[in-house]
Protein backbone atom coordinates (compact mmCIF):
# COMPACT_ATOMS: atom_id res chain seq x y z
CA UNK A 1 -63.09 -0.06 4.36
CA UNK A 2 -61.81 -0.29 0.79
CA UNK A 3 -59.21 2.48 1.44
CA UNK A 4 -58.08 0.66 4.58
CA UNK A 5 -57.55 -2.58 2.62
CA UNK A 6 -55.55 -0.75 -0.05
CA UNK A 7 -53.32 0.70 2.68
CA UNK A 8 -52.79 -2.73 4.21
CA UNK A 9 -51.95 -4.26 0.81
CA UNK A 10 -49.51 -1.47 0.00
CA UNK A 11 -47.87 -1.84 3.43
CA UNK A 12 -47.56 -5.61 2.96
CA UNK A 13 -46.06 -5.14 -0.49
CA UNK A 14 -43.48 -2.72 0.93
CA UNK A 15 -42.51 -5.17 3.67
CA UNK A 16 -42.04 -7.97 1.13
CA UNK A 17 -40.04 -5.73 -1.21
CA UNK A 18 -37.52 -4.67 1.45
CA UNK A 19 -34.35 -6.75 1.50
CA UNK A 20 -33.75 -8.84 4.59
CA UNK A 21 -31.18 -7.36 6.93
CA UNK A 22 -27.92 -9.29 6.88
CA UNK A 23 -26.75 -10.97 10.06
CA UNK A 24 -24.80 -8.41 12.11
CA UNK A 25 -21.89 -10.86 12.43
CA UNK A 26 -21.00 -14.01 10.52
CA UNK A 27 -17.90 -16.22 10.70
CA UNK A 28 -16.57 -17.83 7.52
CA UNK A 29 -14.04 -20.68 7.80
CA UNK A 30 -10.77 -20.56 5.88
CA UNK A 31 -10.78 -22.54 2.64
CA UNK A 32 -7.26 -21.94 1.40
CA UNK A 33 -4.00 -23.23 2.83
CA UNK A 34 -1.76 -21.31 5.19
CA UNK A 35 1.26 -19.81 3.40
CA UNK A 36 4.60 -21.56 3.48
CA UNK A 37 8.07 -21.13 2.02
CA UNK A 38 10.21 -23.73 0.31
CA UNK A 39 13.80 -23.84 1.51
CA UNK A 40 16.65 -24.33 -0.99
CA UNK A 41 17.00 -27.91 0.30
CA UNK A 42 13.37 -28.55 -0.70
CA UNK A 43 11.81 -28.66 2.76
CA UNK A 44 8.85 -26.42 3.55
CA UNK A 45 8.26 -24.11 6.48
CA UNK A 46 4.76 -23.00 7.37
CA UNK A 47 4.71 -19.24 8.00
CA UNK A 48 1.55 -19.11 10.11
CA UNK A 49 -0.55 -21.65 11.95
CA UNK A 50 -3.59 -19.41 11.86
CA UNK A 51 -4.90 -16.51 9.77
CA UNK A 52 -7.90 -14.46 10.84
CA UNK A 53 -9.59 -11.27 9.69
CA UNK A 54 -12.23 -8.94 11.08
CA UNK A 55 -13.95 -7.33 8.08
CA UNK A 56 -16.41 -4.52 8.88
CA UNK A 57 -18.69 -2.51 6.61
CA UNK A 58 -20.77 0.41 7.79
CA UNK A 59 -23.20 1.30 5.02
CA UNK A 60 -26.69 1.70 6.47
CA UNK A 61 -26.54 4.97 8.33
CA UNK A 62 -30.14 5.87 9.32
CA UNK A 63 -31.45 8.47 6.86
CA UNK A 64 -31.59 11.83 8.56
CA UNK A 65 -31.09 10.41 12.06
CA UNK A 66 -27.31 10.60 12.13
CA UNK A 67 -26.58 13.08 9.37
CA UNK A 68 -24.32 10.61 7.52
CA UNK A 69 -25.31 9.48 4.03
CA UNK A 70 -25.65 5.76 3.31
CA UNK A 71 -22.70 4.03 1.64
CA UNK A 72 -24.36 1.31 -0.44
CA UNK A 73 -21.21 0.00 -2.14
CA UNK A 74 -19.30 -0.86 1.05
CA UNK A 75 -21.27 -4.05 1.75
CA UNK A 76 -20.59 -5.60 -1.64
CA UNK A 77 -16.95 -4.47 -1.61
CA UNK A 78 -16.31 -5.97 1.84
CA UNK A 79 -18.10 -9.20 0.87
CA UNK A 80 -15.65 -9.45 -2.05
CA UNK A 81 -12.73 -8.86 0.34
CA UNK A 82 -14.17 -11.55 2.65
CA UNK A 83 -14.35 -14.07 -0.20
CA UNK A 84 -10.74 -13.39 -1.26
CA UNK A 85 -9.44 -13.68 2.29
CA UNK A 86 -11.26 -16.99 2.85
CA UNK A 87 -9.68 -18.35 -0.35
CA UNK A 88 -6.26 -17.33 0.98
CA UNK A 89 -6.54 -19.18 4.27
CA UNK A 90 -8.17 -16.59 6.53
CA UNK A 91 -11.01 -17.34 8.92
CA UNK A 92 -13.13 -14.23 8.46
CA UNK A 93 -15.44 -12.60 10.97
CA UNK A 94 -17.73 -10.41 8.86
CA UNK A 95 -19.55 -7.55 10.61
CA UNK A 96 -22.36 -5.61 8.94
CA UNK A 97 -23.46 -2.11 9.99
CA UNK A 98 -22.26 -2.13 13.59
CA UNK A 99 -23.34 0.35 16.19
CA UNK A 100 -20.58 1.71 18.42
CA UNK A 101 -21.34 -0.90 21.08
CA UNK A 102 -21.36 -3.74 18.54
CA UNK A 103 -18.07 -2.62 16.99
CA UNK A 104 -16.39 -2.42 20.41
CA UNK A 105 -17.74 -5.87 21.28
CA UNK A 106 -16.55 -7.40 17.97
CA UNK A 107 -13.10 -5.89 18.45
CA UNK A 108 -12.90 -7.36 21.97
CA UNK A 109 -14.16 -10.75 20.74
CA UNK A 110 -11.58 -10.79 17.95
CA UNK A 111 -8.80 -9.84 20.36
CA UNK A 112 -9.91 -12.54 22.79
CA UNK A 113 -10.18 -15.21 20.12
CA UNK A 114 -6.95 -14.51 18.19
CA UNK A 115 -4.87 -12.05 20.20
CA UNK A 116 -2.66 -14.56 21.97
CA UNK A 117 -1.56 -16.56 18.90
CA UNK A 118 2.10 -15.67 18.28
CA UNK A 119 2.18 -17.69 15.06
CA UNK A 120 -0.79 -15.93 13.45
CA UNK A 121 -1.38 -13.29 10.81
CA UNK A 122 -4.32 -11.01 11.54
CA UNK A 123 -6.16 -8.39 9.54
CA UNK A 124 -8.70 -5.70 10.44
CA UNK A 125 -10.49 -4.01 7.53
CA UNK A 126 -13.06 -1.24 8.06
CA UNK A 127 -15.08 0.40 5.31
CA UNK A 128 -17.45 3.20 6.28
CA UNK A 129 -17.49 6.84 7.25
CA UNK A 130 -14.52 8.40 8.96
CA UNK A 131 -14.01 11.89 10.30
CA UNK A 132 -11.01 14.03 11.18
CA UNK A 133 -11.44 16.89 13.63
CA UNK A 134 -9.43 19.74 12.09
CA UNK A 135 -9.14 21.44 15.49
CA UNK A 136 -7.23 18.64 17.23
CA UNK A 137 -6.32 16.43 14.23
CA UNK A 138 -8.05 13.42 15.83
CA UNK A 139 -9.36 10.82 13.37
CA UNK A 140 -12.48 8.78 14.07
CA UNK A 141 -14.25 5.70 12.74
CA UNK A 142 -17.98 6.43 12.51
CA UNK A 143 -20.30 3.52 13.46
CA UNK A 144 -23.83 3.62 12.04
CA UNK A 145 -25.34 5.12 15.22
CA UNK A 146 -22.87 8.02 15.59
CA UNK A 147 -24.21 11.51 15.00
CA UNK A 148 -22.63 14.10 12.76
CA UNK A 149 -20.13 16.22 14.73
CA UNK A 150 -21.29 19.40 12.96
CA UNK A 151 -24.87 18.98 14.18
CA UNK A 152 -24.72 16.62 17.20
CA UNK A 153 -21.22 16.64 18.67
CA UNK A 154 -22.32 15.01 21.93
CA UNK A 155 -23.76 11.98 20.12
CA UNK A 156 -20.78 11.82 17.77
CA UNK A 157 -18.13 11.88 20.50
CA UNK A 158 -19.98 9.31 22.63
CA UNK A 159 -20.26 6.81 19.76
CA UNK A 160 -17.35 7.37 17.37
CA UNK A 161 -14.08 5.50 17.88
CA UNK A 162 -10.71 7.27 17.71
CA UNK A 163 -7.85 5.81 15.75
CA UNK A 164 -5.86 5.94 18.98
CA UNK A 165 -8.33 3.39 20.36
CA UNK A 166 -7.47 1.10 17.45
CA UNK A 167 -3.77 1.66 18.11
CA UNK A 168 -4.23 0.58 21.73
CA UNK A 169 -6.30 -2.39 20.64
CA UNK A 170 -3.74 -3.54 18.04
CA UNK A 171 -0.84 -3.30 20.52
CA UNK A 172 -2.52 -6.00 22.63
CA UNK A 173 -2.08 -8.64 19.91
CA UNK A 174 0.75 -11.14 20.16
CA UNK A 175 0.42 -12.13 16.49
CA UNK A 176 3.45 -12.31 14.23
CA UNK A 177 1.82 -9.90 11.78
CA UNK A 178 -1.16 -7.58 12.07
CA UNK A 179 -2.50 -5.19 9.46
CA UNK A 180 -5.29 -2.64 9.84
CA UNK A 181 -6.89 -1.07 6.77
CA UNK A 182 -9.38 1.79 6.83
CA UNK A 183 -11.42 2.65 3.74
CA UNK A 184 -12.90 5.94 4.91
CA UNK A 185 -12.63 9.70 4.55
CA UNK A 186 -9.53 10.10 6.74
CA UNK A 187 -7.56 7.31 5.04
C-alpha cells in the first residue's frame, strides 16, 4: 500500500509540474493605429482600414511519434512577433502547435474573415519544421502530427502542406498587401 501511495504522489507531482497547454488559437485585438501618410499639403491618408496577421508556431512535435524534434524556442519567438504586430495595428490570430487539420482550418478561417478586404494588409508567419523533397524539389510545412518522410512517407504526405498550397491560398486574398514568412528549414 505504501508503494502505491508513493506512486500516486509522484504521479500527482508530475501532473502539477507540467505546464498547461496553451490555447490552440487565440485572437489578440490591434492596439496600435493603422498607418497613414501625410501629404505635402498637410492632409493625411490612411493606408489601410484593417491589418490582420495569422501567426503560427509548431514546436511540440510528439517525441518519437513523428520523428521530428521539438522546437522549444518557436513559441516564445512567435509570441514576441505577435506582441509587436499588435502594437503596430494588427489584429493577430495566434495558433499554437497545429495539426494538419487545424492548420488548414485556421487558414480557411483567416481567408474567410479577411480575404475580401481590398483595403487591408495581411501577414502569415509560420515557424516550425519544413522539409524539401530533393527528388521533386517540393517544399512542405510540417504540422505537429506529420510523420518524418524518411521513416513514414505515407503519414508525412497525408499531413504536410506544400508551399504550392500556400500559393493557391494567398492568391485568393483581395487585400492590398499580403506577406507570407516561413521560419523553417526550407526558408
